Amino acid sequence: MKQLTKAEEDIMKILWDLGEGNVASIVEKFPDPKPANNTVSTIVRILENKEFVDYRREGRGHIYFPKIQKSEYSNQSISKLVDGYFQGSFSSMVSFFMEKNDVSIKELESILKDINKDKK
C-alpha cells in the first residue's frame, strides 16, 4: 500500500467520516480557510490513481468513496512507524511514548484494561 501525503490523508479522513461524497461535500468539511474545489478535485484524482478512492457517476458529477478502510491504513502506517523507527519492536515504541508523554504505570494499566475489555 502506498503512503499518503498530509493533504491526501486529510481528504481520506473526511471520506472515511462521510462514507461517500462529492467534491463540494468534502470541501465543506474542511475548516476555514477551505481549499479550492479544484485543489480537492486534483487530490481526489491522485487518490483514485493510488487506488484509495473510487467513484460512481451521479447525474453530471461523481460521488467518491474510500476503497481502503481506515483501520487497514492505520494498521499499515503504524507498522511502518514501528519498523522504521523502533526496529520492529512494539514494546520499544510503547516505552518511547510512555517516557515522552510521562505516562504513569496506573495510566498504562488502565489502557491495558480497556484493550482487554475491547477484545472480549
C-alpha atoms as a PDB file:
ATOM      1  CA  MET A   1       0.000   0.000   0.000  1.00  0.00           C
ATOM      2  CA  LYS A   2       1.307   3.434  -0.921  1.00  0.00           C
ATOM      3  CA  GLN A   3       1.902   6.143   1.666  1.00  0.00           C
ATOM      4  CA  LEU A   4      -0.292   9.247   1.612  1.00  0.00           C
ATOM      5  CA  THR A   5       0.760  12.873   1.810  1.00  0.00           C
ATOM      6  CA  LYS A   6      -0.718  15.095   4.535  1.00  0.00           C
ATOM      7  CA  ALA A   7      -3.213  16.620   2.066  1.00  0.00           C
ATOM      8  CA  GLU A   8      -4.248  13.178   0.826  1.00  0.00           C
ATOM      9  CA  GLU A   9      -4.677  11.935   4.406  1.00  0.00           C
ATOM     10  CA  ASP A  10      -6.832  14.952   5.230  1.00  0.00           C
ATOM     11  CA  ILE A  11      -9.188  14.119   2.377  1.00  0.00           C
ATOM     12  CA  MET A  12      -9.225  10.410   3.243  1.00  0.00           C
ATOM     13  CA  LYS A  13     -10.141  11.230   6.854  1.00  0.00           C
ATOM     14  CA  ILE A  14     -13.086  13.258   5.590  1.00  0.00           C
ATOM     15  CA  LEU A  15     -14.184  10.490   3.225  1.00  0.00           C
ATOM     16  CA  TRP A  16     -13.881   7.886   5.988  1.00  0.00           C
ATOM     17  CA  ASP A  17     -16.121  10.062   8.156  1.00  0.00           C
ATOM     18  CA  LEU A  18     -18.613  10.808   5.374  1.00  0.00           C
ATOM     19  CA  GLY A  19     -18.608   7.332   3.848  1.00  0.00           C
ATOM     20  CA  GLU A  20     -19.013   8.959   0.449  1.00  0.00           C
ATOM     21  CA  GLY A  21     -19.380  12.396  -1.054  1.00  0.00           C
ATOM     22  CA  ASN A  22     -18.809  14.736  -3.958  1.00  0.00           C
ATOM     23  CA  VAL A  23     -16.025  17.324  -4.066  1.00  0.00           C
ATOM     24  CA  ALA A  24     -18.285  20.060  -2.653  1.00  0.00           C
ATOM     25  CA  SER A  25     -19.230  17.941   0.382  1.00  0.00           C
ATOM     26  CA  ILE A  26     -15.555  17.145   1.004  1.00  0.00           C
ATOM     27  CA  VAL A  27     -14.589  20.841   0.802  1.00  0.00           C
ATOM     28  CA  GLU A  28     -17.440  21.712   3.187  1.00  0.00           C
ATOM     29  CA  LYS A  29     -15.922  19.506   5.930  1.00  0.00           C
ATOM     30  CA  PHE A  30     -12.601  21.394   5.901  1.00  0.00           C
ATOM     31  CA  PRO A  31     -12.068  24.147   8.475  1.00  0.00           C
ATOM     32  CA  ASP A  32     -11.736  27.730   7.262  1.00  0.00           C
ATOM     33  CA  PRO A  33      -9.971  28.757   5.116  1.00  0.00           C
ATOM     34  CA  LYS A  34     -11.329  25.982   2.926  1.00  0.00           C
ATOM     35  CA  PRO A  35      -9.285  24.674  -0.011  1.00  0.00           C
ATOM     36  CA  ALA A  36     -10.471  25.375  -3.553  1.00  0.00           C
ATOM     37  CA  ASN A  37     -12.717  22.822  -5.230  1.00  0.00           C
ATOM     38  CA  ASN A  38     -10.095  22.364  -7.965  1.00  0.00           C
ATOM     39  CA  THR A  39      -7.433  21.546  -5.364  1.00  0.00           C
ATOM     40  CA  VAL A  40      -9.619  18.915  -3.689  1.00  0.00           C
ATOM     41  CA  SER A  41     -10.644  17.509  -7.082  1.00  0.00           C
ATOM     42  CA  THR A  42      -6.988  17.136  -8.088  1.00  0.00           C
ATOM     43  CA  ILE A  43      -6.096  15.357  -4.840  1.00  0.00           C
ATOM     44  CA  VAL A  44      -9.108  13.044  -5.155  1.00  0.00           C
ATOM     45  CA  ARG A  45      -7.910  12.048  -8.644  1.00  0.00           C
ATOM     46  CA  ILE A  46      -4.463  11.308  -7.185  1.00  0.00           C
ATOM     47  CA  LEU A  47      -6.179   9.143  -4.546  1.00  0.00           C
ATOM     48  CA  GLU A  48      -8.007   7.331  -7.368  1.00  0.00           C
ATOM     49  CA  ASN A  49      -4.671   6.634  -9.092  1.00  0.00           C
ATOM     50  CA  LYS A  50      -3.246   5.339  -5.803  1.00  0.00           C
ATOM     51  CA  GLU A  51      -6.371   3.122  -5.545  1.00  0.00           C
ATOM     52  CA  PHE A  52      -7.532   4.594  -2.229  1.00  0.00           C
ATOM     53  CA  VAL A  53     -10.719   6.096  -3.694  1.00  0.00           C
ATOM     54  CA  ASP A  54     -13.261   5.046  -6.286  1.00  0.00           C
ATOM     55  CA  TYR A  55     -16.381   6.767  -7.583  1.00  0.00           C
ATOM     56  CA  ARG A  56     -19.759   6.271  -9.130  1.00  0.00           C
ATOM     57  CA  ARG A  57     -21.450   8.649 -11.504  1.00  0.00           C
ATOM     58  CA  GLU A  58     -24.422  10.559 -10.219  1.00  0.00           C
ATOM     59  CA  GLY A  59     -26.005  12.931 -12.680  1.00  0.00           C
ATOM     60  CA  ARG A  60     -23.207  15.002 -14.191  1.00  0.00           C
ATOM     61  CA  GLY A  61     -20.918  14.543 -11.203  1.00  0.00           C
ATOM     62  CA  HIS A  62     -19.120  11.890  -9.222  1.00  0.00           C
ATOM     63  CA  ILE A  63     -19.667  10.501  -5.752  1.00  0.00           C
ATOM     64  CA  TYR A  64     -16.362   9.402  -4.237  1.00  0.00           C
ATOM     65  CA  PHE A  65     -15.919   6.698  -1.623  1.00  0.00           C
ATOM     66  CA  PRO A  66     -12.943   5.038   0.071  1.00  0.00           C
ATOM     67  CA  LYS A  67     -11.712   1.700  -1.257  1.00  0.00           C
ATOM     68  CA  ILE A  68      -9.423   1.250   1.753  1.00  0.00           C
ATOM     69  CA  GLN A  69     -10.791   1.047   5.284  1.00  0.00           C
ATOM     70  CA  LYS A  70      -9.382   3.491   7.835  1.00  0.00           C
ATOM     71  CA  SER A  71      -8.326   0.621  10.106  1.00  0.00           C
ATOM     72  CA  GLU A  72      -6.407  -1.025   7.251  1.00  0.00           C
ATOM     73  CA  TYR A  73      -4.489   2.179   6.501  1.00  0.00           C
ATOM     74  CA  SER A  74      -3.886   2.902  10.199  1.00  0.00           C
ATOM     75  CA  ASN A  75      -2.514  -0.585  10.776  1.00  0.00           C
ATOM     76  CA  GLN A  76      -0.157  -0.286   7.805  1.00  0.00           C
ATOM     77  CA  SER A  77       1.009   3.181   8.899  1.00  0.00           C
ATOM     78  CA  ILE A  78       1.716   2.054  12.456  1.00  0.00           C
ATOM     79  CA  SER A  79       3.597  -0.993  11.182  1.00  0.00           C
ATOM     80  CA  LYS A  80       5.796   1.294   9.067  1.00  0.00           C
ATOM     81  CA  LEU A  81       6.385   3.538  12.083  1.00  0.00           C
ATOM     82  CA  VAL A  82       7.359   0.604  14.308  1.00  0.00           C
ATOM     83  CA  ASP A  83       9.598  -0.912  11.643  1.00  0.00           C
ATOM     84  CA  GLY A  84      11.213   2.378  10.613  1.00  0.00           C
ATOM     85  CA  TYR A  85      11.870   3.963  13.995  1.00  0.00           C
ATOM     86  CA  PHE A  86      11.759   1.155  16.546  1.00  0.00           C
ATOM     87  CA  GLN A  87      13.383  -1.755  14.656  1.00  0.00           C
ATOM     88  CA  GLY A  88      10.084  -3.640  14.607  1.00  0.00           C
ATOM     89  CA  SER A  89       9.736  -3.596  18.395  1.00  0.00           C
ATOM     90  CA  PHE A  90       6.275  -2.566  19.530  1.00  0.00           C
ATOM     91  CA  SER A  91       7.421  -2.577  23.163  1.00  0.00           C
ATOM     92  CA  SER A  92      10.191  -0.083  22.277  1.00  0.00           C
ATOM     93  CA  MET A  93       7.601   2.186  20.715  1.00  0.00           C
ATOM     94  CA  VAL A  94       5.315   1.978  23.765  1.00  0.00           C
ATOM     95  CA  SER A  95       8.279   2.672  26.080  1.00  0.00           C
ATOM     96  CA  PHE A  96       9.252   5.674  23.961  1.00  0.00           C
ATOM     97  CA  PHE A  97       5.750   7.164  24.084  1.00  0.00           C
ATOM     98  CA  MET A  98       5.419   6.457  27.797  1.00  0.00           C
ATOM     99  CA  GLU A  99       8.644   8.345  28.506  1.00  0.00           C
ATOM    100  CA  LYS A 100       7.928  11.259  26.164  1.00  0.00           C
ATOM    101  CA  ASN A 101       4.345  11.687  27.400  1.00  0.00           C
ATOM    102  CA  ASP A 102       5.069  10.971  31.071  1.00  0.00           C
ATOM    103  CA  VAL A 103       2.534   8.119  31.226  1.00  0.00           C
ATOM    104  CA  SER A 104       2.267   6.552  34.670  1.00  0.00           C
ATOM    105  CA  ILE A 105       2.043   2.831  35.378  1.00  0.00           C
ATOM    106  CA  LYS A 106      -1.519   3.405  36.591  1.00  0.00           C
ATOM    107  CA  GLU A 107      -2.462   5.012  33.254  1.00  0.00           C
ATOM    108  CA  LEU A 108      -0.820   2.135  31.358  1.00  0.00           C
ATOM    109  CA  GLU A 109      -2.759  -0.401  33.449  1.00  0.00           C
ATOM    110  CA  SER A 110      -5.956   1.490  32.615  1.00  0.00           C
ATOM    111  CA  ILE A 111      -5.090   1.383  28.905  1.00  0.00           C
ATOM    112  CA  LEU A 112      -4.409  -2.362  29.111  1.00  0.00           C
ATOM    113  CA  LYS A 113      -7.723  -2.896  30.940  1.00  0.00           C
ATOM    114  CA  ASP A 114      -9.543  -1.014  28.141  1.00  0.00           C
ATOM    115  CA  ILE A 115      -7.759  -3.087  25.481  1.00  0.00           C
ATOM    116  CA  ASN A 116      -8.658  -6.348  27.202  1.00  0.00           C
ATOM    117  CA  LYS A 117     -12.275  -5.203  27.609  1.00  0.00           C
ATOM    118  CA  ASP A 118     -12.467  -4.409  23.863  1.00  0.00           C
ATOM    119  CA  LYS A 119     -11.106  -7.857  22.959  1.00  0.00           C
ATOM    120  CA  LYS A 120     -13.955  -9.592  24.805  1.00  0.00           C
END
